[in-house]
mmCIF file of all heavy atoms, coordinates in Angstrom:
data_MODEL
# 
_entry.id   MODEL 
# 
loop_
_atom_site.group_PDB 
_atom_site.id 
_atom_site.type_symbol 
_atom_site.label_atom_id 
_atom_site.label_alt_id 
_atom_site.label_comp_id 
_atom_site.label_asym_id 
_atom_site.label_entity_id 
_atom_site.label_seq_id 
_atom_site.pdbx_PDB_ins_code 
_atom_site.Cartn_x 
_atom_site.Cartn_y 
_atom_site.Cartn_z 
_atom_site.occupancy 
_atom_site.B_iso_or_equiv 
_atom_site.pdbx_formal_charge 
_atom_site.auth_seq_id 
_atom_site.auth_comp_id 
_atom_site.auth_asym_id 
_atom_site.auth_atom_id 
_atom_site.pdbx_PDB_model_num 
ATOM 1   N N   . ALA A 1 1  ? 0.828   -1.214  0.000   1.00 0.00 ? 1  ALA A N   1 
ATOM 2   C CA  . ALA A 1 1  ? 0.000   0.000   0.000   1.00 0.00 ? 1  ALA A CA  1 
ATOM 3   C C   . ALA A 1 1  ? 0.858   1.257   0.000   1.00 0.00 ? 1  ALA A C   1 
ATOM 4   O O   . ALA A 1 1  ? 0.535   2.249   -0.669  1.00 0.00 ? 1  ALA A O   1 
ATOM 5   C CB  . ALA A 1 1  ? -0.926  -0.014  1.218   1.00 0.00 ? 1  ALA A CB  1 
ATOM 6   N N   . LEU A 1 2  ? 1.969   1.235   0.724   1.00 0.00 ? 2  LEU A N   1 
ATOM 7   C CA  . LEU A 1 2  ? 2.855   2.406   0.781   1.00 0.00 ? 2  LEU A CA  1 
ATOM 8   C C   . LEU A 1 2  ? 3.589   2.627   -0.542  1.00 0.00 ? 2  LEU A C   1 
ATOM 9   O O   . LEU A 1 2  ? 3.832   3.767   -0.941  1.00 0.00 ? 2  LEU A O   1 
ATOM 10  C CB  . LEU A 1 2  ? 3.873   2.242   1.912   1.00 0.00 ? 2  LEU A CB  1 
ATOM 11  C CG  . LEU A 1 2  ? 3.316   2.325   3.339   1.00 0.00 ? 2  LEU A CG  1 
ATOM 12  C CD1 . LEU A 1 2  ? 4.411   1.980   4.347   1.00 0.00 ? 2  LEU A CD1 1 
ATOM 13  C CD2 . LEU A 1 2  ? 2.746   3.710   3.611   1.00 0.00 ? 2  LEU A CD2 1 
ATOM 14  N N   . MET A 1 3  ? 3.920   1.523   -1.216  1.00 0.00 ? 3  MET A N   1 
ATOM 15  C CA  . MET A 1 3  ? 4.709   1.615   -2.445  1.00 0.00 ? 3  MET A CA  1 
ATOM 16  C C   . MET A 1 3  ? 3.857   1.822   -3.688  1.00 0.00 ? 3  MET A C   1 
ATOM 17  O O   . MET A 1 3  ? 4.373   2.160   -4.752  1.00 0.00 ? 3  MET A O   1 
ATOM 18  C CB  . MET A 1 3  ? 5.551   0.351   -2.625  1.00 0.00 ? 3  MET A CB  1 
ATOM 19  C CG  . MET A 1 3  ? 6.606   0.146   -1.553  1.00 0.00 ? 3  MET A CG  1 
ATOM 20  S SD  . MET A 1 3  ? 7.848   1.447   -1.534  1.00 0.00 ? 3  MET A SD  1 
ATOM 21  C CE  . MET A 1 3  ? 8.642   1.164   -3.117  1.00 0.00 ? 3  MET A CE  1 
ATOM 22  N N   . THR A 1 4  ? 2.549   1.607   -3.570  1.00 0.00 ? 4  THR A N   1 
ATOM 23  C CA  . THR A 1 4  ? 1.666   1.723   -4.732  1.00 0.00 ? 4  THR A CA  1 
ATOM 24  C C   . THR A 1 4  ? 1.293   3.187   -4.939  1.00 0.00 ? 4  THR A C   1 
ATOM 25  O O   . THR A 1 4  ? 0.819   3.856   -4.023  1.00 0.00 ? 4  THR A O   1 
ATOM 26  C CB  . THR A 1 4  ? 0.387   0.896   -4.530  1.00 0.00 ? 4  THR A CB  1 
ATOM 27  O OG1 . THR A 1 4  ? 0.751   -0.456  -4.266  1.00 0.00 ? 4  THR A OG1 1 
ATOM 28  C CG2 . THR A 1 4  ? -0.480  0.937   -5.769  1.00 0.00 ? 4  THR A CG2 1 
ATOM 29  N N   . ASN A 1 5  ? 1.499   3.685   -6.152  1.00 0.00 ? 5  ASN A N   1 
ATOM 30  C CA  . ASN A 1 5  ? 1.150   5.074   -6.444  1.00 0.00 ? 5  ASN A CA  1 
ATOM 31  C C   . ASN A 1 5  ? -0.293  5.178   -6.939  1.00 0.00 ? 5  ASN A C   1 
ATOM 32  O O   . ASN A 1 5  ? -1.006  4.179   -7.063  1.00 0.00 ? 5  ASN A O   1 
ATOM 33  C CB  . ASN A 1 5  ? 2.111   5.669   -7.480  1.00 0.00 ? 5  ASN A CB  1 
ATOM 34  C CG  . ASN A 1 5  ? 2.181   4.836   -8.749  1.00 0.00 ? 5  ASN A CG  1 
ATOM 35  O OD1 . ASN A 1 5  ? 1.180   4.343   -9.225  1.00 0.00 ? 5  ASN A OD1 1 
ATOM 36  N ND2 . ASN A 1 5  ? 3.384   4.689   -9.298  1.00 0.00 ? 5  ASN A ND2 1 
ATOM 37  N N   . LYS A 1 6  ? -0.731  6.384   -7.224  1.00 0.00 ? 6  LYS A N   1 
ATOM 38  C CA  . LYS A 1 6  ? -2.119  6.612   -7.610  1.00 0.00 ? 6  LYS A CA  1 
ATOM 39  C C   . LYS A 1 6  ? -2.475  5.947   -8.931  1.00 0.00 ? 6  LYS A C   1 
ATOM 40  O O   . LYS A 1 6  ? -3.627  5.601   -9.175  1.00 0.00 ? 6  LYS A O   1 
ATOM 41  C CB  . LYS A 1 6  ? -2.393  8.110   -7.705  1.00 0.00 ? 6  LYS A CB  1 
ATOM 42  C CG  . LYS A 1 6  ? -2.295  8.836   -6.360  1.00 0.00 ? 6  LYS A CG  1 
ATOM 43  C CD  . LYS A 1 6  ? -2.587  10.310  -6.518  1.00 0.00 ? 6  LYS A CD  1 
ATOM 44  C CE  . LYS A 1 6  ? -2.503  11.035  -5.179  1.00 0.00 ? 6  LYS A CE  1 
ATOM 45  N NZ  . LYS A 1 6  ? -2.777  12.499  -5.321  1.00 0.00 ? 6  LYS A NZ  1 
ATOM 46  N N   . LEU A 1 7  ? -1.474  5.775   -9.811  1.00 0.00 ? 7  LEU A N   1 
ATOM 47  C CA  . LEU A 1 7  ? -1.758  5.232   -11.140 1.00 0.00 ? 7  LEU A CA  1 
ATOM 48  C C   . LEU A 1 7  ? -2.113  3.747   -11.098 1.00 0.00 ? 7  LEU A C   1 
ATOM 49  O O   . LEU A 1 7  ? -2.828  3.255   -11.971 1.00 0.00 ? 7  LEU A O   1 
ATOM 50  C CB  . LEU A 1 7  ? -0.545  5.462   -12.062 1.00 0.00 ? 7  LEU A CB  1 
ATOM 51  C CG  . LEU A 1 7  ? -0.210  6.926   -12.373 1.00 0.00 ? 7  LEU A CG  1 
ATOM 52  C CD1 . LEU A 1 7  ? 1.032   7.003   -13.248 1.00 0.00 ? 7  LEU A CD1 1 
ATOM 53  C CD2 . LEU A 1 7  ? -1.396  7.614   -13.063 1.00 0.00 ? 7  LEU A CD2 1 
ATOM 54  N N   . ASN A 1 8  ? -1.591  3.027   -10.131 1.00 0.00 ? 8  ASN A N   1 
ATOM 55  C CA  . ASN A 1 8  ? -1.897  1.593   -10.091 1.00 0.00 ? 8  ASN A CA  1 
ATOM 56  C C   . ASN A 1 8  ? -2.630  1.199   -8.822  1.00 0.00 ? 8  ASN A C   1 
ATOM 57  O O   . ASN A 1 8  ? -2.450  0.105   -8.291  1.00 0.00 ? 8  ASN A O   1 
ATOM 58  C CB  . ASN A 1 8  ? -0.622  0.755   -10.250 1.00 0.00 ? 8  ASN A CB  1 
ATOM 59  C CG  . ASN A 1 8  ? 0.447   1.125   -9.238  1.00 0.00 ? 8  ASN A CG  1 
ATOM 60  O OD1 . ASN A 1 8  ? 0.235   1.981   -8.377  1.00 0.00 ? 8  ASN A OD1 1 
ATOM 61  N ND2 . ASN A 1 8  ? 1.593   0.470   -9.341  1.00 0.00 ? 8  ASN A ND2 1 
ATOM 62  N N   . ARG A 1 9  ? -3.471  2.110   -8.303  1.00 0.00 ? 9  ARG A N   1 
ATOM 63  C CA  . ARG A 1 9  ? -4.319  1.778   -7.159  1.00 0.00 ? 9  ARG A CA  1 
ATOM 64  C C   . ARG A 1 9  ? -5.314  0.665   -7.513  1.00 0.00 ? 9  ARG A C   1 
ATOM 65  O O   . ARG A 1 9  ? -5.659  -0.170  -6.684  1.00 0.00 ? 9  ARG A O   1 
ATOM 66  C CB  . ARG A 1 9  ? -5.083  3.020   -6.693  1.00 0.00 ? 9  ARG A CB  1 
ATOM 67  C CG  . ARG A 1 9  ? -4.256  4.011   -5.903  1.00 0.00 ? 9  ARG A CG  1 
ATOM 68  C CD  . ARG A 1 9  ? -3.840  3.432   -4.572  1.00 0.00 ? 9  ARG A CD  1 
ATOM 69  N NE  . ARG A 1 9  ? -2.993  4.352   -3.823  1.00 0.00 ? 9  ARG A NE  1 
ATOM 70  C CZ  . ARG A 1 9  ? -2.425  4.070   -2.669  1.00 0.00 ? 9  ARG A CZ  1 
ATOM 71  N NH1 . ARG A 1 9  ? -2.591  2.870   -2.144  1.00 0.00 ? 9  ARG A NH1 1 
ATOM 72  N NH2 . ARG A 1 9  ? -1.666  4.944   -2.050  1.00 0.00 ? 9  ARG A NH2 1 
ATOM 73  N N   . SER A 1 10 ? -5.795  0.686   -8.764  1.00 0.00 ? 10 SER A N   1 
ATOM 74  C CA  . SER A 1 10 ? -6.735  -0.358  -9.176  1.00 0.00 ? 10 SER A CA  1 
ATOM 75  C C   . SER A 1 10 ? -6.053  -1.725  -9.161  1.00 0.00 ? 10 SER A C   1 
ATOM 76  O O   . SER A 1 10 ? -6.671  -2.734  -8.790  1.00 0.00 ? 10 SER A O   1 
ATOM 77  C CB  . SER A 1 10 ? -7.284  -0.061  -10.570 1.00 0.00 ? 10 SER A CB  1 
ATOM 78  O OG  . SER A 1 10 ? -6.236  0.002   -11.521 1.00 0.00 ? 10 SER A OG  1 
ATOM 79  N N   . GLN A 1 11 ? -4.778  -1.771  -9.573  1.00 0.00 ? 11 GLN A N   1 
ATOM 80  C CA  . GLN A 1 11 ? -4.025  -3.025  -9.520  1.00 0.00 ? 11 GLN A CA  1 
ATOM 81  C C   . GLN A 1 11 ? -3.897  -3.513  -8.080  1.00 0.00 ? 11 GLN A C   1 
ATOM 82  O O   . GLN A 1 11 ? -4.028  -4.707  -7.805  1.00 0.00 ? 11 GLN A O   1 
ATOM 83  C CB  . GLN A 1 11 ? -2.630  -2.836  -10.120 1.00 0.00 ? 11 GLN A CB  1 
ATOM 84  C CG  . GLN A 1 11 ? -2.602  -2.836  -11.641 1.00 0.00 ? 11 GLN A CG  1 
ATOM 85  C CD  . GLN A 1 11 ? -1.174  -2.788  -12.149 1.00 0.00 ? 11 GLN A CD  1 
ATOM 86  O OE1 . GLN A 1 11 ? -0.387  -1.931  -11.756 1.00 0.00 ? 11 GLN A OE1 1 
ATOM 87  N NE2 . GLN A 1 11 ? -0.835  -3.712  -13.007 1.00 0.00 ? 11 GLN A NE2 1 
ATOM 88  N N   . PHE A 1 12 ? -3.640  -2.589  -7.167  1.00 0.00 ? 12 PHE A N   1 
ATOM 89  C CA  . PHE A 1 12 ? -3.523  -2.957  -5.762  1.00 0.00 ? 12 PHE A CA  1 
ATOM 90  C C   . PHE A 1 12 ? -4.838  -3.528  -5.240  1.00 0.00 ? 12 PHE A C   1 
ATOM 91  O O   . PHE A 1 12 ? -4.854  -4.499  -4.487  1.00 0.00 ? 12 PHE A O   1 
ATOM 92  C CB  . PHE A 1 12 ? -3.107  -1.737  -4.938  1.00 0.00 ? 12 PHE A CB  1 
ATOM 93  C CG  . PHE A 1 12 ? -3.012  -1.999  -3.472  1.00 0.00 ? 12 PHE A CG  1 
ATOM 94  C CD1 . PHE A 1 12 ? -2.029  -2.839  -2.968  1.00 0.00 ? 12 PHE A CD1 1 
ATOM 95  C CD2 . PHE A 1 12 ? -3.909  -1.419  -2.587  1.00 0.00 ? 12 PHE A CD2 1 
ATOM 96  C CE1 . PHE A 1 12 ? -1.950  -3.095  -1.602  1.00 0.00 ? 12 PHE A CE1 1 
ATOM 97  C CE2 . PHE A 1 12 ? -3.826  -1.662  -1.230  1.00 0.00 ? 12 PHE A CE2 1 
ATOM 98  C CZ  . PHE A 1 12 ? -2.849  -2.497  -0.731  1.00 0.00 ? 12 PHE A CZ  1 
ATOM 99  N N   . GLY A 1 13 ? -5.967  -2.937  -5.661  1.00 0.00 ? 13 GLY A N   1 
ATOM 100 C CA  . GLY A 1 13 ? -7.264  -3.455  -5.248  1.00 0.00 ? 13 GLY A CA  1 
ATOM 101 C C   . GLY A 1 13 ? -7.520  -4.849  -5.788  1.00 0.00 ? 13 GLY A C   1 
ATOM 102 O O   . GLY A 1 13 ? -8.045  -5.719  -5.070  1.00 0.00 ? 13 GLY A O   1 
ATOM 103 N N   . ILE A 1 14 ? -7.139  -5.088  -7.048  1.00 0.00 ? 14 ILE A N   1 
ATOM 104 C CA  . ILE A 1 14 ? -7.328  -6.416  -7.642  1.00 0.00 ? 14 ILE A CA  1 
ATOM 105 C C   . ILE A 1 14 ? -6.482  -7.460  -6.929  1.00 0.00 ? 14 ILE A C   1 
ATOM 106 O O   . ILE A 1 14 ? -6.938  -8.571  -6.648  1.00 0.00 ? 14 ILE A O   1 
ATOM 107 C CB  . ILE A 1 14 ? -7.002  -6.366  -9.148  1.00 0.00 ? 14 ILE A CB  1 
ATOM 108 C CG1 . ILE A 1 14 ? -8.025  -5.508  -9.888  1.00 0.00 ? 14 ILE A CG1 1 
ATOM 109 C CG2 . ILE A 1 14 ? -6.968  -7.777  -9.740  1.00 0.00 ? 14 ILE A CG2 1 
ATOM 110 C CD1 . ILE A 1 14 ? -7.688  -5.255  -11.334 1.00 0.00 ? 14 ILE A CD1 1 
ATOM 111 N N   . GLN A 1 15 ? -5.246  -7.087  -6.612  1.00 0.00 ? 15 GLN A N   1 
ATOM 112 C CA  . GLN A 1 15 ? -4.385  -8.054  -5.941  1.00 0.00 ? 15 GLN A CA  1 
ATOM 113 C C   . GLN A 1 15 ? -4.852  -8.312  -4.511  1.00 0.00 ? 15 GLN A C   1 
ATOM 114 O O   . GLN A 1 15 ? -4.683  -9.413  -3.991  1.00 0.00 ? 15 GLN A O   1 
ATOM 115 C CB  . GLN A 1 15 ? -2.927  -7.599  -6.000  1.00 0.00 ? 15 GLN A CB  1 
ATOM 116 C CG  . GLN A 1 15 ? -2.489  -6.580  -4.995  1.00 0.00 ? 15 GLN A CG  1 
ATOM 117 C CD  . GLN A 1 15 ? -1.916  -7.204  -3.741  1.00 0.00 ? 15 GLN A CD  1 
ATOM 118 O OE1 . GLN A 1 15 ? -1.346  -8.279  -3.786  1.00 0.00 ? 15 GLN A OE1 1 
ATOM 119 N NE2 . GLN A 1 15 ? -2.078  -6.511  -2.626  1.00 0.00 ? 15 GLN A NE2 1 
ATOM 120 N N   . LEU A 1 16 ? -5.491  -7.327  -3.872  1.00 0.00 ? 16 LEU A N   1 
ATOM 121 C CA  . LEU A 1 16 ? -6.068  -7.563  -2.547  1.00 0.00 ? 16 LEU A CA  1 
ATOM 122 C C   . LEU A 1 16 ? -7.188  -8.599  -2.625  1.00 0.00 ? 16 LEU A C   1 
ATOM 123 O O   . LEU A 1 16 ? -7.330  -9.450  -1.734  1.00 0.00 ? 16 LEU A O   1 
ATOM 124 C CB  . LEU A 1 16 ? -6.605  -6.260  -1.961  1.00 0.00 ? 16 LEU A CB  1 
ATOM 125 C CG  . LEU A 1 16 ? -5.630  -5.375  -1.188  1.00 0.00 ? 16 LEU A CG  1 
ATOM 126 C CD1 . LEU A 1 16 ? -6.356  -4.182  -0.607  1.00 0.00 ? 16 LEU A CD1 1 
ATOM 127 C CD2 . LEU A 1 16 ? -4.910  -6.153  -0.106  1.00 0.00 ? 16 LEU A CD2 1 
ATOM 128 N N   . ILE A 1 17 ? -7.977  -8.535  -3.698  1.00 0.00 ? 17 ILE A N   1 
ATOM 129 C CA  . ILE A 1 17 ? -9.027  -9.538  -3.898  1.00 0.00 ? 17 ILE A CA  1 
ATOM 130 C C   . ILE A 1 17 ? -8.400  -10.925 -4.064  1.00 0.00 ? 17 ILE A C   1 
ATOM 131 O O   . ILE A 1 17 ? -8.871  -11.913 -3.486  1.00 0.00 ? 17 ILE A O   1 
ATOM 132 C CB  . ILE A 1 17 ? -9.888  -9.175  -5.121  1.00 0.00 ? 17 ILE A CB  1 
ATOM 133 C CG1 . ILE A 1 17 ? -10.669 -7.885  -4.849  1.00 0.00 ? 17 ILE A CG1 1 
ATOM 134 C CG2 . ILE A 1 17 ? -10.842 -10.315 -5.467  1.00 0.00 ? 17 ILE A CG2 1 
ATOM 135 C CD1 . ILE A 1 17 ? -11.444 -7.375  -6.034  1.00 0.00 ? 17 ILE A CD1 1 
ATOM 136 N N   . ALA A 1 18 ? -7.327  -10.982 -4.838  1.00 0.00 ? 18 ALA A N   1 
ATOM 137 C CA  . ALA A 1 18 ? -6.650  -12.258 -5.069  1.00 0.00 ? 18 ALA A CA  1 
ATOM 138 C C   . ALA A 1 18 ? -6.027  -12.801 -3.789  1.00 0.00 ? 18 ALA A C   1 
ATOM 139 O O   . ALA A 1 18 ? -5.992  -14.025 -3.577  1.00 0.00 ? 18 ALA A O   1 
ATOM 140 C CB  . ALA A 1 18 ? -5.576  -12.095 -6.143  1.00 0.00 ? 18 ALA A CB  1 
ATOM 141 N N   . VAL A 1 19 ? -5.553  -11.924 -2.929  1.00 0.00 ? 19 VAL A N   1 
ATOM 142 C CA  . VAL A 1 19 ? -4.865  -12.345 -1.714  1.00 0.00 ? 19 VAL A CA  1 
ATOM 143 C C   . VAL A 1 19 ? -5.847  -12.681 -0.594  1.00 0.00 ? 19 VAL A C   1 
ATOM 144 O O   . VAL A 1 19 ? -5.685  -13.690 0.101   1.00 0.00 ? 19 VAL A O   1 
ATOM 145 C CB  . VAL A 1 19 ? -3.880  -11.247 -1.256  1.00 0.00 ? 19 VAL A CB  1 
ATOM 146 C CG1 . VAL A 1 19 ? -3.317  -11.560 0.121   1.00 0.00 ? 19 VAL A CG1 1 
ATOM 147 C CG2 . VAL A 1 19 ? -2.744  -11.109 -2.259  1.00 0.00 ? 19 VAL A CG2 1 
ATOM 148 N N   . LEU A 1 20 ? -6.883  -11.853 -0.418  1.00 0.00 ? 20 LEU A N   1 
ATOM 149 C CA  . LEU A 1 20 ? -7.757  -11.980 0.747   1.00 0.00 ? 20 LEU A CA  1 
ATOM 150 C C   . LEU A 1 20 ? -9.088  -12.668 0.464   1.00 0.00 ? 20 LEU A C   1 
ATOM 151 O O   . LEU A 1 20 ? -9.613  -13.364 1.336   1.00 0.00 ? 20 LEU A O   1 
ATOM 152 C CB  . LEU A 1 20 ? -8.022  -10.586 1.336   1.00 0.00 ? 20 LEU A CB  1 
ATOM 153 C CG  . LEU A 1 20 ? -6.791  -9.797  1.790   1.00 0.00 ? 20 LEU A CG  1 
ATOM 154 C CD1 . LEU A 1 20 ? -7.196  -8.423  2.303   1.00 0.00 ? 20 LEU A CD1 1 
ATOM 155 C CD2 . LEU A 1 20 ? -6.010  -10.565 2.845   1.00 0.00 ? 20 LEU A CD2 1 
ATOM 156 N N   . ILE A 1 21 ? -9.634  -12.488 -0.730  1.00 0.00 ? 21 ILE A N   1 
ATOM 157 C CA  . ILE A 1 21 ? -10.979 -13.006 -1.013  1.00 0.00 ? 21 ILE A CA  1 
ATOM 158 C C   . ILE A 1 21 ? -10.941 -14.368 -1.698  1.00 0.00 ? 21 ILE A C   1 
ATOM 159 O O   . ILE A 1 21 ? -11.680 -15.284 -1.312  1.00 0.00 ? 21 ILE A O   1 
ATOM 160 C CB  . ILE A 1 21 ? -11.776 -12.010 -1.879  1.00 0.00 ? 21 ILE A CB  1 
ATOM 161 C CG1 . ILE A 1 21 ? -11.805 -10.628 -1.201  1.00 0.00 ? 21 ILE A CG1 1 
ATOM 162 C CG2 . ILE A 1 21 ? -13.186 -12.520 -2.123  1.00 0.00 ? 21 ILE A CG2 1 
ATOM 163 C CD1 . ILE A 1 21 ? -12.451 -10.633 0.163   1.00 0.00 ? 21 ILE A CD1 1 
ATOM 164 N N   . VAL A 1 22 ? -10.088 -14.522 -2.702  1.00 0.00 ? 22 VAL A N   1 
ATOM 165 C CA  . VAL A 1 22 ? -10.069 -15.770 -3.473  1.00 0.00 ? 22 VAL A CA  1 
ATOM 166 C C   . VAL A 1 22 ? -9.742  -16.990 -2.613  1.00 0.00 ? 22 VAL A C   1 
ATOM 167 O O   . VAL A 1 22 ? -10.434 -18.016 -2.708  1.00 0.00 ? 22 VAL A O   1 
ATOM 168 C CB  . VAL A 1 22 ? -9.087  -15.641 -4.663  1.00 0.00 ? 22 VAL A CB  1 
ATOM 169 C CG1 . VAL A 1 22 ? -8.922  -16.991 -5.366  1.00 0.00 ? 22 VAL A CG1 1 
ATOM 170 C CG2 . VAL A 1 22 ? -9.583  -14.588 -5.652  1.00 0.00 ? 22 VAL A CG2 1 
ATOM 171 N N   . PRO A 1 23 ? -8.713  -16.958 -1.743  1.00 0.00 ? 23 PRO A N   1 
ATOM 172 C CA  . PRO A 1 23 ? -8.478  -18.134 -0.889  1.00 0.00 ? 23 PRO A CA  1 
ATOM 173 C C   . PRO A 1 23 ? -9.657  -18.450 0.026   1.00 0.00 ? 23 PRO A C   1 
ATOM 174 O O   . PRO A 1 23 ? -9.951  -19.625 0.276   1.00 0.00 ? 23 PRO A O   1 
ATOM 175 C CB  . PRO A 1 23 ? -7.237  -17.739 -0.072  1.00 0.00 ? 23 PRO A CB  1 
ATOM 176 C CG  . PRO A 1 23 ? -6.560  -16.701 -0.887  1.00 0.00 ? 23 PRO A CG  1 
ATOM 177 C CD  . PRO A 1 23 ? -7.655  -15.944 -1.561  1.00 0.00 ? 23 PRO A CD  1 
ATOM 178 N N   . LEU A 1 24 ? -10.346 -17.413 0.508   1.00 0.00 ? 24 LEU A N   1 
ATOM 179 C CA  . LEU A 1 24 ? -11.509 -17.636 1.360   1.00 0.00 ? 24 LEU A CA  1 
ATOM 180 C C   . LEU A 1 24 ? -12.632 -18.331 0.592   1.00 0.00 ? 24 LEU A C   1 
ATOM 181 O O   . LEU A 1 24 ? -13.252 -19.283 1.086   1.00 0.00 ? 24 LEU A O   1 
ATOM 182 C CB  . LEU A 1 24 ? -11.995 -16.300 1.917   1.00 0.00 ? 24 LEU A CB  1 
ATOM 183 C CG  . LEU A 1 24 ? -13.080 -16.357 2.996   1.00 0.00 ? 24 LEU A CG  1 
ATOM 184 C CD1 . LEU A 1 24 ? -12.569 -17.075 4.229   1.00 0.00 ? 24 LEU A CD1 1 
ATOM 185 C CD2 . LEU A 1 24 ? -13.549 -14.954 3.345   1.00 0.00 ? 24 LEU A CD2 1 
ATOM 186 N N   . LEU A 1 25 ? -12.892 -17.874 -0.630  1.00 0.00 ? 25 LEU A N   1 
ATOM 187 C CA  . LEU A 1 25 ? -13.914 -18.516 -1.468  1.00 0.00 ? 25 LEU A CA  1 
ATOM 188 C C   . LEU A 1 25 ? -13.516 -19.946 -1.803  1.00 0.00 ? 25 LEU A C   1 
ATOM 189 O O   . LEU A 1 25 ? -14.375 -20.837 -1.881  1.00 0.00 ? 25 LEU A O   1 
ATOM 190 C CB  . LEU A 1 25 ? -14.117 -17.703 -2.749  1.00 0.00 ? 25 LEU A CB  1 
ATOM 191 C CG  . LEU A 1 25 ? -14.683 -16.289 -2.574  1.00 0.00 ? 25 LEU A CG  1 
ATOM 192 C CD1 . LEU A 1 25 ? -14.759 -15.579 -3.924  1.00 0.00 ? 25 LEU A CD1 1 
ATOM 193 C CD2 . LEU A 1 25 ? -16.057 -16.334 -1.922  1.00 0.00 ? 25 LEU A CD2 1 
ATOM 194 N N   . LEU A 1 26 ? -12.232 -20.171 -1.996  1.00 0.00 ? 26 LEU A N   1 
ATOM 195 C CA  . LEU A 1 26 ? -11.738 -21.517 -2.291  1.00 0.00 ? 26 LEU A CA  1 
ATOM 196 C C   . LEU A 1 26 ? -12.018 -22.465 -1.125  1.00 0.00 ? 26 LEU A C   1 
ATOM 197 O O   . LEU A 1 26 ? -12.504 -23.586 -1.317  1.00 0.00 ? 26 LEU A O   1 
ATOM 198 C CB  . LEU A 1 26 ? -10.244 -21.463 -2.588  1.00 0.00 ? 26 LEU A CB  1 
ATOM 199 C CG  . LEU A 1 26 ? -9.555  -22.764 -2.983  1.00 0.00 ? 26 LEU A CG  1 
ATOM 200 C CD1 . LEU A 1 26 ? -10.016 -23.208 -4.358  1.00 0.00 ? 26 LEU A CD1 1 
ATOM 201 C CD2 . LEU A 1 26 ? -8.044  -22.599 -2.977  1.00 0.00 ? 26 LEU A CD2 1 
ATOM 202 N N   . ILE A 1 27 ? -11.733 -22.003 0.085   1.00 0.00 ? 27 ILE A N   1 
ATOM 203 C CA  . ILE A 1 27 ? -11.974 -22.837 1.261   1.00 0.00 ? 27 ILE A CA  1 
ATOM 204 C C   . ILE A 1 27 ? -13.466 -23.123 1.428   1.00 0.00 ? 27 ILE A C   1 
ATOM 205 O O   . ILE A 1 27 ? -13.873 -24.263 1.700   1.00 0.00 ? 27 ILE A O   1 
ATOM 206 C CB  . ILE A 1 27 ? -11.416 -22.139 2.517   1.00 0.00 ? 27 ILE A CB  1 
ATOM 207 C CG1 . ILE A 1 27 ? -9.895  -22.052 2.432   1.00 0.00 ? 27 ILE A CG1 1 
ATOM 208 C CG2 . ILE A 1 27 ? -11.836 -22.886 3.783   1.00 0.00 ? 27 ILE A CG2 1 
ATOM 209 C CD1 . ILE A 1 27 ? -9.267  -21.242 3.537   1.00 0.00 ? 27 ILE A CD1 1 
# 
């Protein structure tokens, strides 16, 4: 979050879904 700039905030949001939501749905 600290290293992500304004231009790739959407990328950071997508990767948060991949990190936090997808494993939960998998389980």
